[in-house]
Structure formats: structure tokens, C-alpha cells
Amino acid sequence: MTESLVPSALGVSATEPNAAELCARTLAVHSKSFALAGRLLDEQARRDAAVLYSYCRTVDDAIDDCTGAAQRAALAELQRALDSIYLGEAQCDVRLRAFQELVVRCALPREYPEALLAGMAMDTEGVTYETLDDLRLYCHRVAGVVGLMMCHVLGVSDARALRNAAHLGIAMQLTNICRDVTEDWQRGRLYLPLSLLRESGPGALTGISVGPMPDAARPSVKAVVRQLLAEAERFYRSSDEGMLALPWRAAFSVRAARLIYAAIGERILRPDFDALADRAVVPLSTKLRLLLRAALSALGELPKRIFRSRARVALGSAIRYPDDVLPL
């Protein structure tokens, strides 16, 4: 049960240890790559990023941990919780209280978490993706908008960089899809565009089915994975153009996460690696090398930053998909 409160009087601040520590643990358990990159942020930004990640993780787990009617009920509950958050009502769950405080302090447009729930609805409805455009929409809803919310959290100084942030989220989601093809198939999901599968040759998958993935489909699946990773690379390159709009330390962290995630795709593409049999993982030694690369890139940007305006500007209203995001 909730009671109506003004936003400034929310029960628990995201900076209080119980909320901050819970969100940080959630991040550390579910994403070692993001947790590593997050250590490069200042303390407040690190806590805020963990709160945002924790909310997104809560949404994702609520859908992934059940099936059928239970999924639809979980989605309805997530929608009720989001309505309550933006109404300024008290939240029983500490993670939701932390996210609510973040929504108010960072002025997170409601359109972004709404789009995230719309992406979850696509999963609950068992949507298959006929074209690459269909898949881009899904990737924007479940990940592009996370990049957009991170702009508010990390203090992006130029609204033009919002587009690049959405591109980074889309690129990361495409990488996730390519890494998790077999796992998703076992859970009754297929994100690879059917039109690309048909074009890739005989034996292609024609939709979601039960049981192991047919051996005859593996060549076409691998071919489409290569196409999607090439698409992801285009979005990664676009995301690089927005780094200067971030504070220096935040840019270092985001670039590190971007490089580590792109390295997952590079590992999938190795001729000696079978992404349909094994989950692609970036070794710690490679992560450390990429952190050094991110540091060198951040240092190389310093001269450009000196001559950029340091004034913060309001990011304004939410950007729209696809008009403000596509084409590349």
C-alpha cells in the first residue's frame, strides 16, 4: 500500500547505505563488465548508475523469472509501480525508492522507462522479428533508452549526444543477442530477424520452436550473427562521437564499458570459437588491456575538452524513436 508524498520527502534516498549497497550488489552480481567500468566513476555517479542498473535489472528479472500468465501479471505490476513512482507515492521496495529519488533528482523523462516496459511487453507476447528494423526497435526499447537515462545520470552536457547514447545501448543489446542465441532459444525466444535467416541459406529457422536448435540451422544462425555484429559495430562507432559530451571521468568509464562489450562480439567472431555452444566471456587480462586503451583515449581527448564550453545545458524533453535516433 502506498501513500501520496511530495517528491522531496521520499522515504529513503538513493545515497543511503541500504539502497546504495543493495543496488551496487545487484550490479556486481549480474554484470562484472559494468561493475568494473563503474569503478571509474566518482562516488555519486557510481551510486546513481548502480541504482539505474538495479531498476532495469528488476524489470528484466520480473519478466524472465516466470512464463505465460505470470509474465503478463508481472508486467502489469511493473506498470503500476512505474505509475506510482512518477506520482510521487511512497515505495515499499528499497530499490524502487532509490529509483524514484533518482527520477526526481536527475529529471528522468517518463518516456524512457515506459519504453523499457514496452520492450518487456514484446518478450511477454513472444514477438518474433521479421526485419532488422523490427529488431532495432526492440533494442532501443530495452537498451537504447537505458543509454538515454544514463545521460541524465552522468551529466551529459550536449543534447545532441543523446542520439549517440541511444546508439551505444542498441549496440550493446545487439551484442547480447548474438552472445545469447542458444540460451534465448532454450527459453523460447528468437531475436534473429527471420528475413535475414531466410536470406542466409537452406535450413534456416522459421520461428520459435521447442527442443534443441536444429543442426541444419546452425550455419544460417552463425551467418546472421555475423551480420548483427557488423550492425552493432556501426552503432558502437556512432556512440564514440558522443563521448566529449560526458564529464571526463564518466567518458572514461563509458568508453571502457563500450570497449569491453565490443570485445564480446570480437570473441564470438573468432574462427576457433563456437558461440552456439559456449557463452562468450572477455578474460580479465583483456579487460585490463581495454581499460588502458580507454584511459589513453580519455587522455587524448583532454586538449579538445579544454576548448569546449564547460556550461551544463538542460537535456530537455525525451527524444523520440525512430525520428531522433535513426538513421545512423
C-alpha atoms as a PDB file:
ATOM      1  CA  MET A   1       0.000   0.000   0.000  1.00  0.00           C
ATOM      2  CA  THR A   2       1.339   3.461  -0.878  1.00  0.00           C
ATOM      3  CA  GLU A   3       0.671   6.882   0.461  1.00  0.00           C
ATOM      4  CA  SER A   4       0.998  10.109  -1.512  1.00  0.00           C
ATOM      5  CA  LEU A   5       4.157  12.102  -0.772  1.00  0.00           C
ATOM      6  CA  VAL A   6       5.763  15.120  -2.354  1.00  0.00           C
ATOM      7  CA  PRO A   7       8.872  14.045  -4.310  1.00  0.00           C
ATOM      8  CA  SER A   8      11.290  15.816  -1.938  1.00  0.00           C
ATOM      9  CA  ALA A   9      10.025  13.772   1.003  1.00  0.00           C
ATOM     10  CA  LEU A  10      10.570  10.289  -0.351  1.00  0.00           C
ATOM     11  CA  GLY A  11      11.233   7.730   2.333  1.00  0.00           C
ATOM     12  CA  VAL A  12      14.813   6.618   1.521  1.00  0.00           C
ATOM     13  CA  SER A  13      17.440   8.430  -0.509  1.00  0.00           C
ATOM     14  CA  ALA A  14      19.411   6.542  -3.132  1.00  0.00           C
ATOM     15  CA  THR A  15      22.558   7.696  -1.355  1.00  0.00           C
ATOM     16  CA  GLU A  16      21.648   5.987   1.945  1.00  0.00           C
ATOM     17  CA  PRO A  17      23.746   2.858   2.543  1.00  0.00           C
ATOM     18  CA  ASN A  18      20.916   0.288   2.450  1.00  0.00           C
ATOM     19  CA  ALA A  19      19.710   1.358  -1.005  1.00  0.00           C
ATOM     20  CA  ALA A  20      23.137   2.153  -2.421  1.00  0.00           C
ATOM     21  CA  GLU A  21      24.695  -1.091  -1.204  1.00  0.00           C
ATOM     22  CA  LEU A  22      21.815  -3.235  -2.431  1.00  0.00           C
ATOM     23  CA  CYS A  23      21.968  -1.663  -5.899  1.00  0.00           C
ATOM     24  CA  ALA A  24      25.763  -1.991  -6.003  1.00  0.00           C
ATOM     25  CA  ARG A  25      25.499  -5.705  -5.114  1.00  0.00           C
ATOM     26  CA  THR A  26      22.923  -6.194  -7.854  1.00  0.00           C
ATOM     27  CA  LEU A  27      25.306  -4.660 -10.376  1.00  0.00           C
ATOM     28  CA  ALA A  28      28.288  -6.680  -9.147  1.00  0.00           C
ATOM     29  CA  VAL A  29      26.392  -9.989  -9.315  1.00  0.00           C
ATOM     30  CA  HIS A  30      24.749  -9.538 -12.717  1.00  0.00           C
ATOM     31  CA  SER A  31      27.319  -7.620 -14.757  1.00  0.00           C
ATOM     32  CA  LYS A  32      31.016  -7.826 -13.958  1.00  0.00           C
ATOM     33  CA  SER A  33      31.828  -5.709 -17.013  1.00  0.00           C
ATOM     34  CA  PHE A  34      29.556  -2.842 -15.979  1.00  0.00           C
ATOM     35  CA  ALA A  35      30.696  -3.145 -12.357  1.00  0.00           C
ATOM     36  CA  LEU A  36      34.330  -2.855 -13.434  1.00  0.00           C
ATOM     37  CA  ALA A  37      33.634   0.182 -15.608  1.00  0.00           C
ATOM     38  CA  GLY A  38      31.539   1.704 -12.830  1.00  0.00           C
ATOM     39  CA  ARG A  39      34.533   1.822 -10.509  1.00  0.00           C
ATOM     40  CA  LEU A  40      35.960   4.551 -12.726  1.00  0.00           C
ATOM     41  CA  LEU A  41      33.093   6.930 -11.863  1.00  0.00           C
ATOM     42  CA  ASP A  42      33.044   9.350  -8.947  1.00  0.00           C
ATOM     43  CA  GLU A  43      31.162   8.113  -5.890  1.00  0.00           C
ATOM     44  CA  GLN A  44      27.817   9.821  -6.571  1.00  0.00           C
ATOM     45  CA  ALA A  45      27.763   8.864 -10.245  1.00  0.00           C
ATOM     46  CA  ARG A  46      28.719   5.299  -9.342  1.00  0.00           C
ATOM     47  CA  ARG A  47      25.821   5.049  -6.903  1.00  0.00           C
ATOM     48  CA  ASP A  48      23.369   6.608  -9.327  1.00  0.00           C
ATOM     49  CA  ALA A  49      24.432   4.293 -12.150  1.00  0.00           C
ATOM     50  CA  ALA A  50      24.004   1.290  -9.833  1.00  0.00           C
ATOM     51  CA  VAL A  51      20.508   2.470  -8.875  1.00  0.00           C
ATOM     52  CA  LEU A  52      19.516   2.772 -12.527  1.00  0.00           C
ATOM     53  CA  TYR A  53      21.022  -0.611 -13.362  1.00  0.00           C
ATOM     54  CA  SER A  54      19.245  -2.175 -10.383  1.00  0.00           C
ATOM     55  CA  TYR A  55      15.878  -0.866 -11.563  1.00  0.00           C
ATOM     56  CA  CYS A  56      16.443  -2.153 -15.092  1.00  0.00           C
ATOM     57  CA  ARG A  57      17.598  -5.491 -13.694  1.00  0.00           C
ATOM     58  CA  THR A  58      14.493  -5.704 -11.503  1.00  0.00           C
ATOM     59  CA  VAL A  59      12.307  -5.122 -14.555  1.00  0.00           C
ATOM     60  CA  ASP A  60      14.165  -7.701 -16.634  1.00  0.00           C
ATOM     61  CA  ASP A  61      14.161 -10.362 -13.916  1.00  0.00           C
ATOM     62  CA  ALA A  62      10.460  -9.873 -13.218  1.00  0.00           C
ATOM     63  CA  ILE A  63       9.739 -10.949 -16.800  1.00  0.00           C
ATOM     64  CA  ASP A  64      12.459 -13.573 -17.210  1.00  0.00           C
ATOM     65  CA  ASP A  65      11.717 -15.429 -13.979  1.00  0.00           C
ATOM     66  CA  CYS A  66       8.212 -16.525 -14.995  1.00  0.00           C
ATOM     67  CA  THR A  67       6.190 -17.544 -18.038  1.00  0.00           C
ATOM     68  CA  GLY A  68       2.734 -17.222 -19.574  1.00  0.00           C
ATOM     69  CA  ALA A  69       0.072 -15.528 -17.487  1.00  0.00           C
ATOM     70  CA  ALA A  70       2.550 -14.906 -14.677  1.00  0.00           C
ATOM     71  CA  GLN A  71       4.646 -12.815 -17.063  1.00  0.00           C
ATOM     72  CA  ARG A  72       1.669 -10.678 -18.015  1.00  0.00           C
ATOM     73  CA  ALA A  73       0.804 -10.210 -14.340  1.00  0.00           C
ATOM     74  CA  ALA A  74       4.416  -9.234 -13.609  1.00  0.00           C
ATOM     75  CA  LEU A  75       4.355  -6.676 -16.430  1.00  0.00           C
ATOM     76  CA  ALA A  76       1.120  -5.198 -15.097  1.00  0.00           C
ATOM     77  CA  GLU A  77       2.687  -4.893 -11.648  1.00  0.00           C
ATOM     78  CA  LEU A  78       5.755  -3.184 -13.139  1.00  0.00           C
ATOM     79  CA  GLN A  79       3.468  -0.704 -14.870  1.00  0.00           C
ATOM     80  CA  ARG A  80       1.623   0.007 -11.623  1.00  0.00           C
ATOM     81  CA  ALA A  81       4.921   0.547  -9.846  1.00  0.00           C
ATOM     82  CA  LEU A  82       6.103   2.970 -12.538  1.00  0.00           C
ATOM     83  CA  ASP A  83       2.843   4.917 -12.312  1.00  0.00           C
ATOM     84  CA  SER A  84       3.289   5.126  -8.558  1.00  0.00           C
ATOM     85  CA  ILE A  85       6.907   6.239  -8.842  1.00  0.00           C
ATOM     86  CA  TYR A  86       6.038   9.154 -11.109  1.00  0.00           C
ATOM     87  CA  LEU A  87       3.073  10.095  -8.918  1.00  0.00           C
ATOM     88  CA  GLY A  88       5.497  10.550  -6.036  1.00  0.00           C
ATOM     89  CA  GLU A  89       3.906   7.846  -3.884  1.00  0.00           C
ATOM     90  CA  ALA A  90       5.906   6.014  -1.203  1.00  0.00           C
ATOM     91  CA  GLN A  91       7.533   2.768  -2.353  1.00  0.00           C
ATOM     92  CA  CYS A  92       7.850  -0.341  -0.196  1.00  0.00           C
ATOM     93  CA  ASP A  93      10.764  -1.770  -2.187  1.00  0.00           C
ATOM     94  CA  VAL A  94      14.045  -0.010  -1.379  1.00  0.00           C
ATOM     95  CA  ARG A  95      15.190  -0.373  -4.991  1.00  0.00           C
ATOM     96  CA  LEU A  96      12.091   1.418  -6.219  1.00  0.00           C
ATOM     97  CA  ARG A  97      12.545   4.130  -3.588  1.00  0.00           C
ATOM     98  CA  ALA A  98      16.102   4.614  -4.789  1.00  0.00           C
ATOM     99  CA  PHE A  99      14.979   4.786  -8.422  1.00  0.00           C
ATOM    100  CA  GLN A 100      12.213   7.214  -7.527  1.00  0.00           C
ATOM    101  CA  GLU A 101      14.694   9.555  -5.864  1.00  0.00           C
ATOM    102  CA  LEU A 102      16.879   9.300  -8.971  1.00  0.00           C
ATOM    103  CA  VAL A 103      13.910  10.096 -11.235  1.00  0.00           C
ATOM    104  CA  VAL A 104      13.262  13.318  -9.314  1.00  0.00           C
ATOM    105  CA  ARG A 105      16.851  14.466  -8.868  1.00  0.00           C
ATOM    106  CA  CYS A 106      18.012  13.696 -12.413  1.00  0.00           C
ATOM    107  CA  ALA A 107      14.716  14.622 -14.127  1.00  0.00           C
ATOM    108  CA  LEU A 108      14.415  11.282 -15.929  1.00  0.00           C
ATOM    109  CA  PRO A 109      11.718  11.576 -18.610  1.00  0.00           C
ATOM    110  CA  ARG A 110       8.963   9.043 -18.028  1.00  0.00           C
ATOM    111  CA  GLU A 111       9.008   8.117 -21.717  1.00  0.00           C
ATOM    112  CA  TYR A 112      12.258   6.197 -21.206  1.00  0.00           C
ATOM    113  CA  PRO A 113      11.186   3.680 -18.511  1.00  0.00           C
ATOM    114  CA  GLU A 114       7.830   3.430 -20.323  1.00  0.00           C
ATOM    115  CA  ALA A 115       9.713   2.346 -23.442  1.00  0.00           C
ATOM    116  CA  LEU A 116      11.636  -0.173 -21.352  1.00  0.00           C
ATOM    117  CA  LEU A 117       8.357  -1.749 -20.228  1.00  0.00           C
ATOM    118  CA  ALA A 118       7.159  -1.741 -23.846  1.00  0.00           C
ATOM    119  CA  GLY A 119      10.254  -3.782 -24.689  1.00  0.00           C
ATOM    120  CA  MET A 120       9.424  -6.204 -21.886  1.00  0.00           C
ATOM    121  CA  ALA A 121       5.911  -6.499 -23.341  1.00  0.00           C
ATOM    122  CA  MET A 122       7.450  -7.664 -26.614  1.00  0.00           C
ATOM    123  CA  ASP A 123       9.057 -10.516 -24.682  1.00  0.00           C
ATOM    124  CA  THR A 124       5.869 -11.447 -22.846  1.00  0.00           C
ATOM    125  CA  GLU A 125       3.966 -11.533 -26.148  1.00  0.00           C
ATOM    126  CA  GLY A 126       6.519 -13.834 -27.761  1.00  0.00           C
ATOM    127  CA  VAL A 127       7.220 -11.417 -30.602  1.00  0.00           C
ATOM    128  CA  THR A 128       9.426 -12.637 -33.431  1.00  0.00           C
ATOM    129  CA  TYR A 129      11.359 -10.190 -35.571  1.00  0.00           C
ATOM    130  CA  GLU A 130      10.821 -10.237 -39.314  1.00  0.00           C
ATOM    131  CA  THR A 131      13.248  -7.480 -40.248  1.00  0.00           C
ATOM    132  CA  LEU A 132      16.302  -5.723 -38.881  1.00  0.00           C
ATOM    133  CA  ASP A 133      14.149  -2.631 -38.348  1.00  0.00           C
ATOM    134  CA  ASP A 134      11.877  -4.678 -36.070  1.00  0.00           C
ATOM    135  CA  LEU A 135      14.888  -5.793 -34.050  1.00  0.00           C
ATOM    136  CA  ARG A 136      16.284  -2.242 -33.825  1.00  0.00           C
ATOM    137  CA  LEU A 137      13.012  -1.133 -32.227  1.00  0.00           C
ATOM    138  CA  TYR A 138      13.307  -3.847 -29.585  1.00  0.00           C
ATOM    139  CA  CYS A 139      16.946  -2.997 -28.920  1.00  0.00           C
ATOM    140  CA  HIS A 140      16.092   0.669 -28.485  1.00  0.00           C
ATOM    141  CA  ARG A 141      13.301  -0.092 -26.043  1.00  0.00           C
ATOM    142  CA  VAL A 142      15.279  -2.424 -23.799  1.00  0.00           C
ATOM    143  CA  ALA A 143      18.724  -0.817 -24.064  1.00  0.00           C
ATOM    144  CA  GLY A 144      18.771   2.378 -26.109  1.00  0.00           C
ATOM    145  CA  VAL A 145      16.596   4.095 -23.515  1.00  0.00           C
ATOM    146  CA  VAL A 146      18.964   2.920 -20.775  1.00  0.00           C
ATOM    147  CA  GLY A 147      21.700   4.872 -22.534  1.00  0.00           C
ATOM    148  CA  LEU A 148      19.375   7.866 -22.645  1.00  0.00           C
ATOM    149  CA  MET A 149      18.645   7.635 -18.918  1.00  0.00           C
ATOM    150  CA  MET A 150      22.384   7.364 -18.246  1.00  0.00           C
ATOM    151  CA  CYS A 151      22.820  10.722 -19.976  1.00  0.00           C
ATOM    152  CA  HIS A 152      20.736  12.311 -17.236  1.00  0.00           C
ATOM    153  CA  VAL A 153      22.552  10.369 -14.525  1.00  0.00           C
ATOM    154  CA  LEU A 154      26.085  11.153 -15.724  1.00  0.00           C
ATOM    155  CA  GLY A 155      25.578  14.785 -16.648  1.00  0.00           C
ATOM    156  CA  VAL A 156      25.742  14.883 -20.450  1.00  0.00           C
ATOM    157  CA  SER A 157      26.301  18.497 -21.458  1.00  0.00           C
ATOM    158  CA  ASP A 158      25.063  18.466 -25.060  1.00  0.00           C
ATOM    159  CA  ALA A 159      21.607  17.230 -26.061  1.00  0.00           C
ATOM    160  CA  ARG A 160      22.974  16.232 -29.466  1.00  0.00           C
ATOM    161  CA  ALA A 161      24.819  13.385 -27.714  1.00  0.00           C
ATOM    162  CA  LEU A 162      21.555  11.743 -26.679  1.00  0.00           C
ATOM    163  CA  ARG A 163      21.400  10.093 -30.073  1.00  0.00           C
ATOM    164  CA  ASN A 164      24.897   8.644 -29.608  1.00  0.00           C
ATOM    165  CA  ALA A 165      23.947   7.322 -26.174  1.00  0.00           C
ATOM    166  CA  ALA A 166      20.932   5.522 -27.617  1.00  0.00           C
ATOM    167  CA  HIS A 167      23.229   4.034 -30.261  1.00  0.00           C
ATOM    168  CA  LEU A 168      25.541   2.658 -27.568  1.00  0.00           C
ATOM    169  CA  GLY A 169      22.628   0.915 -25.869  1.00  0.00           C
ATOM    170  CA  ILE A 170      21.445  -0.547 -29.177  1.00  0.00           C
ATOM    171  CA  ALA A 171      24.960  -1.793 -29.980  1.00  0.00           C
ATOM    172  CA  MET A 172      25.277  -3.481 -26.595  1.00  0.00           C
ATOM    173  CA  GLN A 173      21.892  -5.166 -26.947  1.00  0.00           C
ATOM    174  CA  LEU A 174      22.777  -6.479 -30.397  1.00  0.00           C
ATOM    175  CA  THR A 175      25.941  -7.904 -28.846  1.00  0.00           C
ATOM    176  CA  ASN A 176      23.880  -9.506 -26.067  1.00  0.00           C
ATOM    177  CA  ILE A 177      21.564 -11.091 -28.621  1.00  0.00           C
ATOM    178  CA  CYS A 178      24.485 -12.563 -30.556  1.00  0.00           C
ATOM    179  CA  ARG A 179      26.062 -13.911 -27.364  1.00  0.00           C
ATOM    180  CA  ASP A 180      22.837 -15.477 -26.042  1.00  0.00           C
ATOM    181  CA  VAL A 181      21.295 -17.081 -29.155  1.00  0.00           C
ATOM    182  CA  THR A 182      21.294 -20.608 -27.726  1.00  0.00           C
ATOM    183  CA  GLU A 183      20.220 -19.538 -24.244  1.00  0.00           C
ATOM    184  CA  ASP A 184      17.354 -17.484 -25.681  1.00  0.00           C
ATOM    185  CA  TRP A 185      16.272 -20.366 -27.917  1.00  0.00           C
ATOM    186  CA  GLN A 186      16.083 -22.682 -24.907  1.00  0.00           C
ATOM    187  CA  ARG A 187      13.821 -20.116 -23.225  1.00  0.00           C
ATOM    188  CA  GLY A 188      11.523 -19.960 -26.246  1.00  0.00           C
ATOM    189  CA  ARG A 189      12.848 -16.725 -27.727  1.00  0.00           C
ATOM    190  CA  LEU A 190      14.351 -15.908 -31.103  1.00  0.00           C
ATOM    191  CA  TYR A 191      15.642 -12.412 -31.755  1.00  0.00           C
ATOM    192  CA  LEU A 192      17.415 -13.020 -35.070  1.00  0.00           C
ATOM    193  CA  PRO A 193      15.435 -11.387 -37.929  1.00  0.00           C
ATOM    194  CA  LEU A 194      13.604 -14.045 -39.910  1.00  0.00           C
ATOM    195  CA  SER A 195      14.211 -12.278 -43.226  1.00  0.00           C
ATOM    196  CA  LEU A 196      17.971 -12.386 -42.659  1.00  0.00           C
ATOM    197  CA  LEU A 197      17.777 -16.065 -41.713  1.00  0.00           C
ATOM    198  CA  ARG A 198      15.894 -16.883 -44.915  1.00  0.00           C
ATOM    199  CA  GLU A 199      18.457 -14.999 -46.990  1.00  0.00           C
ATOM    200  CA  SER A 200      21.354 -16.822 -45.325  1.00  0.00           C
ATOM    201  CA  GLY A 201      20.671 -20.198 -46.916  1.00  0.00           C
ATOM    202  CA  PRO A 202      18.793 -23.501 -46.560  1.00  0.00           C
ATOM    203  CA  GLY A 203      17.871 -24.944 -43.184  1.00  0.00           C
ATOM    204  CA  ALA A 204      17.129 -21.566 -41.662  1.00  0.00           C
ATOM    205  CA  LEU A 205      14.928 -21.207 -38.619  1.00  0.00           C
ATOM    206  CA  THR A 206      11.406 -20.070 -39.461  1.00  0.00           C
ATOM    207  CA  GLY A 207      10.258 -19.146 -35.966  1.00  0.00           C
ATOM    208  CA  ILE A 208      10.311 -20.226 -32.360  1.00  0.00           C
ATOM    209  CA  SER A 209      10.062 -23.946 -31.657  1.00  0.00           C
ATOM    210  CA  VAL A 210      10.659 -26.366 -28.791  1.00  0.00           C
ATOM    211  CA  GLY A 211      13.665 -28.592 -28.249  1.00  0.00           C
ATOM    212  CA  PRO A 212      17.308 -28.144 -29.206  1.00  0.00           C
ATOM    213  CA  MET A 213      18.234 -25.878 -32.076  1.00  0.00           C
ATOM    214  CA  PRO A 214      18.383 -28.000 -35.283  1.00  0.00           C
ATOM    215  CA  ASP A 215      21.905 -28.678 -36.524  1.00  0.00           C
ATOM    216  CA  ALA A 216      20.805 -27.714 -40.052  1.00  0.00           C
ATOM    217  CA  ALA A 217      20.037 -24.196 -38.805  1.00  0.00           C
ATOM    218  CA  ARG A 218      23.455 -23.516 -37.308  1.00  0.00           C
ATOM    219  CA  PRO A 219      25.174 -22.213 -40.486  1.00  0.00           C
ATOM    220  CA  SER A 220      22.432 -19.662 -41.143  1.00  0.00           C
ATOM    221  CA  VAL A 221      22.322 -18.631 -37.481  1.00  0.00           C
ATOM    222  CA  LYS A 222      26.067 -18.017 -37.470  1.00  0.00           C
ATOM    223  CA  ALA A 223      25.794 -16.018 -40.683  1.00  0.00           C
ATOM    224  CA  VAL A 224      23.103 -13.768 -39.217  1.00  0.00           C
ATOM    225  CA  VAL A 225      25.094 -13.350 -36.009  1.00  0.00           C
ATOM    226  CA  ARG A 226      27.967 -12.014 -38.101  1.00  0.00           C
ATOM    227  CA  GLN A 227      25.597  -9.554 -39.790  1.00  0.00           C
ATOM    228  CA  LEU A 228      24.216  -8.353 -36.461  1.00  0.00           C
ATOM    229  CA  LEU A 229      27.685  -7.877 -35.024  1.00  0.00           C
ATOM    230  CA  ALA A 230      28.595  -5.778 -38.064  1.00  0.00           C
ATOM    231  CA  GLU A 231      25.468  -3.731 -37.389  1.00  0.00           C
ATOM    232  CA  ALA A 232      26.475  -3.405 -33.739  1.00  0.00           C
ATOM    233  CA  GLU A 233      29.868  -2.077 -34.788  1.00  0.00           C
ATOM    234  CA  ARG A 234      28.203   0.700 -36.761  1.00  0.00           C
ATOM    235  CA  PHE A 235      26.308   1.754 -33.641  1.00  0.00           C
ATOM    236  CA  TYR A 236      29.432   1.495 -31.481  1.00  0.00           C
ATOM    237  CA  ARG A 237      31.287   3.836 -33.837  1.00  0.00           C
ATOM    238  CA  SER A 238      28.447   6.339 -33.647  1.00  0.00           C
ATOM    239  CA  SER A 239      28.456   6.185 -29.841  1.00  0.00           C
ATOM    240  CA  ASP A 240      32.107   7.253 -29.815  1.00  0.00           C
ATOM    241  CA  GLU A 241      31.085  10.623 -31.228  1.00  0.00           C
ATOM    242  CA  GLY A 242      29.191  11.482 -28.050  1.00  0.00           C
ATOM    243  CA  MET A 243      31.995  10.868 -25.538  1.00  0.00           C
ATOM    244  CA  LEU A 244      33.085  14.501 -25.373  1.00  0.00           C
ATOM    245  CA  ALA A 245      29.648  15.481 -24.100  1.00  0.00           C
ATOM    246  CA  LEU A 246      30.273  13.450 -20.935  1.00  0.00           C
ATOM    247  CA  PRO A 247      32.352  14.652 -17.989  1.00  0.00           C
ATOM    248  CA  TRP A 248      35.910  13.365 -18.394  1.00  0.00           C
ATOM    249  CA  ARG A 249      35.704  10.640 -15.756  1.00  0.00           C
ATOM    250  CA  ALA A 250      32.302   9.460 -16.973  1.00  0.00           C
ATOM    251  CA  ALA A 251      33.611   9.310 -20.547  1.00  0.00           C
ATOM    252  CA  PHE A 252      36.486   7.126 -19.345  1.00  0.00           C
ATOM    253  CA  SER A 253      34.036   4.736 -17.682  1.00  0.00           C
ATOM    254  CA  VAL A 254      31.541   4.607 -20.562  1.00  0.00           C
ATOM    255  CA  ARG A 255      34.307   4.074 -23.120  1.00  0.00           C
ATOM    256  CA  ALA A 256      35.695   1.213 -21.033  1.00  0.00           C
ATOM    257  CA  ALA A 257      32.270  -0.450 -20.939  1.00  0.00           C
ATOM    258  CA  ARG A 258      31.871   0.108 -24.677  1.00  0.00           C
ATOM    259  CA  LEU A 259      35.246  -1.484 -25.480  1.00  0.00           C
ATOM    260  CA  ILE A 260      34.669  -4.471 -23.201  1.00  0.00           C
ATOM    261  CA  TYR A 261      31.234  -5.108 -24.680  1.00  0.00           C
ATOM    262  CA  ALA A 262      32.521  -4.818 -28.235  1.00  0.00           C
ATOM    263  CA  ALA A 263      35.207  -7.345 -27.306  1.00  0.00           C
ATOM    264  CA  ILE A 264      32.431  -9.882 -26.629  1.00  0.00           C
ATOM    265  CA  GLY A 265      31.470  -9.578 -30.285  1.00  0.00           C
ATOM    266  CA  GLU A 266      35.089  -9.910 -31.359  1.00  0.00           C
ATOM    267  CA  ARG A 267      35.374 -13.116 -29.373  1.00  0.00           C
ATOM    268  CA  ILE A 268      32.204 -14.520 -30.986  1.00  0.00           C
ATOM    269  CA  LEU A 269      33.703 -13.845 -34.416  1.00  0.00           C
ATOM    270  CA  ARG A 270      36.906 -15.766 -33.709  1.00  0.00           C
ATOM    271  CA  PRO A 271      37.133 -18.802 -36.037  1.00  0.00           C
ATOM    272  CA  ASP A 272      38.058 -21.061 -33.099  1.00  0.00           C
ATOM    273  CA  PHE A 273      35.036 -20.067 -31.003  1.00  0.00           C
ATOM    274  CA  ASP A 274      31.562 -21.648 -31.231  1.00  0.00           C
ATOM    275  CA  ALA A 275      29.131 -19.060 -29.855  1.00  0.00           C
ATOM    276  CA  LEU A 276      26.252 -21.539 -30.155  1.00  0.00           C
ATOM    277  CA  ALA A 277      27.989 -23.941 -27.773  1.00  0.00           C
ATOM    278  CA  ASP A 278      29.762 -21.613 -25.340  1.00  0.00           C
ATOM    279  CA  ARG A 279      28.980 -18.245 -23.767  1.00  0.00           C
ATOM    280  CA  ALA A 280      31.460 -15.606 -24.893  1.00  0.00           C
ATOM    281  CA  VAL A 281      33.363 -14.107 -21.960  1.00  0.00           C
ATOM    282  CA  VAL A 282      36.061 -11.459 -22.054  1.00  0.00           C
ATOM    283  CA  PRO A 283      39.084 -12.567 -19.965  1.00  0.00           C
ATOM    284  CA  LEU A 284      40.272 -10.282 -17.174  1.00  0.00           C
ATOM    285  CA  SER A 285      43.594  -9.731 -18.947  1.00  0.00           C
ATOM    286  CA  THR A 286      41.728  -8.413 -21.991  1.00  0.00           C
ATOM    287  CA  LYS A 287      39.515  -6.220 -19.823  1.00  0.00           C
ATOM    288  CA  LEU A 288      42.600  -4.660 -18.209  1.00  0.00           C
ATOM    289  CA  ARG A 289      44.126  -4.015 -21.622  1.00  0.00           C
ATOM    290  CA  LEU A 290      40.903  -2.352 -22.753  1.00  0.00           C
ATOM    291  CA  LEU A 291      40.830  -0.231 -19.591  1.00  0.00           C
ATOM    292  CA  LEU A 292      44.294   1.026 -20.512  1.00  0.00           C
ATOM    293  CA  ARG A 293      43.094   1.747 -24.046  1.00  0.00           C
ATOM    294  CA  ALA A 294      40.117   3.669 -22.647  1.00  0.00           C
ATOM    295  CA  ALA A 295      42.444   5.648 -20.370  1.00  0.00           C
ATOM    296  CA  LEU A 296      44.715   6.584 -23.261  1.00  0.00           C
ATOM    297  CA  SER A 297      41.733   7.684 -25.338  1.00  0.00           C
ATOM    298  CA  ALA A 298      40.438   9.769 -22.430  1.00  0.00           C
ATOM    299  CA  LEU A 299      43.821  11.424 -22.015  1.00  0.00           C
ATOM    300  CA  GLY A 300      43.991  12.081 -25.749  1.00  0.00           C
ATOM    301  CA  GLU A 301      40.686  13.975 -25.526  1.00  0.00           C
ATOM    302  CA  LEU A 302      41.937  16.426 -22.920  1.00  0.00           C
ATOM    303  CA  PRO A 303      43.090  19.099 -25.426  1.00  0.00           C
ATOM    304  CA  LYS A 304      39.647  19.058 -27.073  1.00  0.00           C
ATOM    305  CA  ARG A 305      37.967  19.360 -23.681  1.00  0.00           C
ATOM    306  CA  ILE A 306      39.962  22.438 -22.778  1.00  0.00           C
ATOM    307  CA  PHE A 307      38.390  24.381 -25.619  1.00  0.00           C
ATOM    308  CA  ARG A 308      34.854  23.064 -25.130  1.00  0.00           C
ATOM    309  CA  SER A 309      32.300  25.043 -23.192  1.00  0.00           C
ATOM    310  CA  ARG A 310      32.013  23.763 -19.630  1.00  0.00           C
ATOM    311  CA  ALA A 311      28.475  25.042 -19.208  1.00  0.00           C
ATOM    312  CA  ARG A 312      25.856  22.404 -18.402  1.00  0.00           C
ATOM    313  CA  VAL A 313      22.724  22.521 -20.502  1.00  0.00           C
ATOM    314  CA  ALA A 314      19.341  21.000 -19.787  1.00  0.00           C
ATOM    315  CA  LEU A 315      18.667  17.893 -21.855  1.00  0.00           C
ATOM    316  CA  GLY A 316      15.040  18.874 -22.275  1.00  0.00           C
ATOM    317  CA  SER A 317      12.271  16.540 -23.337  1.00  0.00           C
ATOM    318  CA  ALA A 318      12.719  12.901 -24.291  1.00  0.00           C
ATOM    319  CA  ILE A 319      13.965  12.155 -27.773  1.00  0.00           C
ATOM    320  CA  ARG A 320      11.726  10.031 -29.980  1.00  0.00           C
ATOM    321  CA  TYR A 321      12.327   6.764 -31.774  1.00  0.00           C
ATOM    322  CA  PRO A 322      12.927   6.418 -34.664  1.00  0.00           C
ATOM    323  CA  ASP A 323      12.934  10.073 -35.788  1.00  0.00           C
ATOM    324  CA  ASP A 324      15.646  11.242 -33.366  1.00  0.00           C
ATOM    325  CA  VAL A 325      17.663   8.035 -33.337  1.00  0.00           C
ATOM    326  CA  LEU A 326      17.774   6.675 -36.899  1.00  0.00           C
ATOM    327  CA  PRO A 327      19.217   6.511 -39.440  1.00  0.00           C
ATOM    328  CA  LEU A 328      22.867   6.308 -38.499  1.00  0.00           C
END
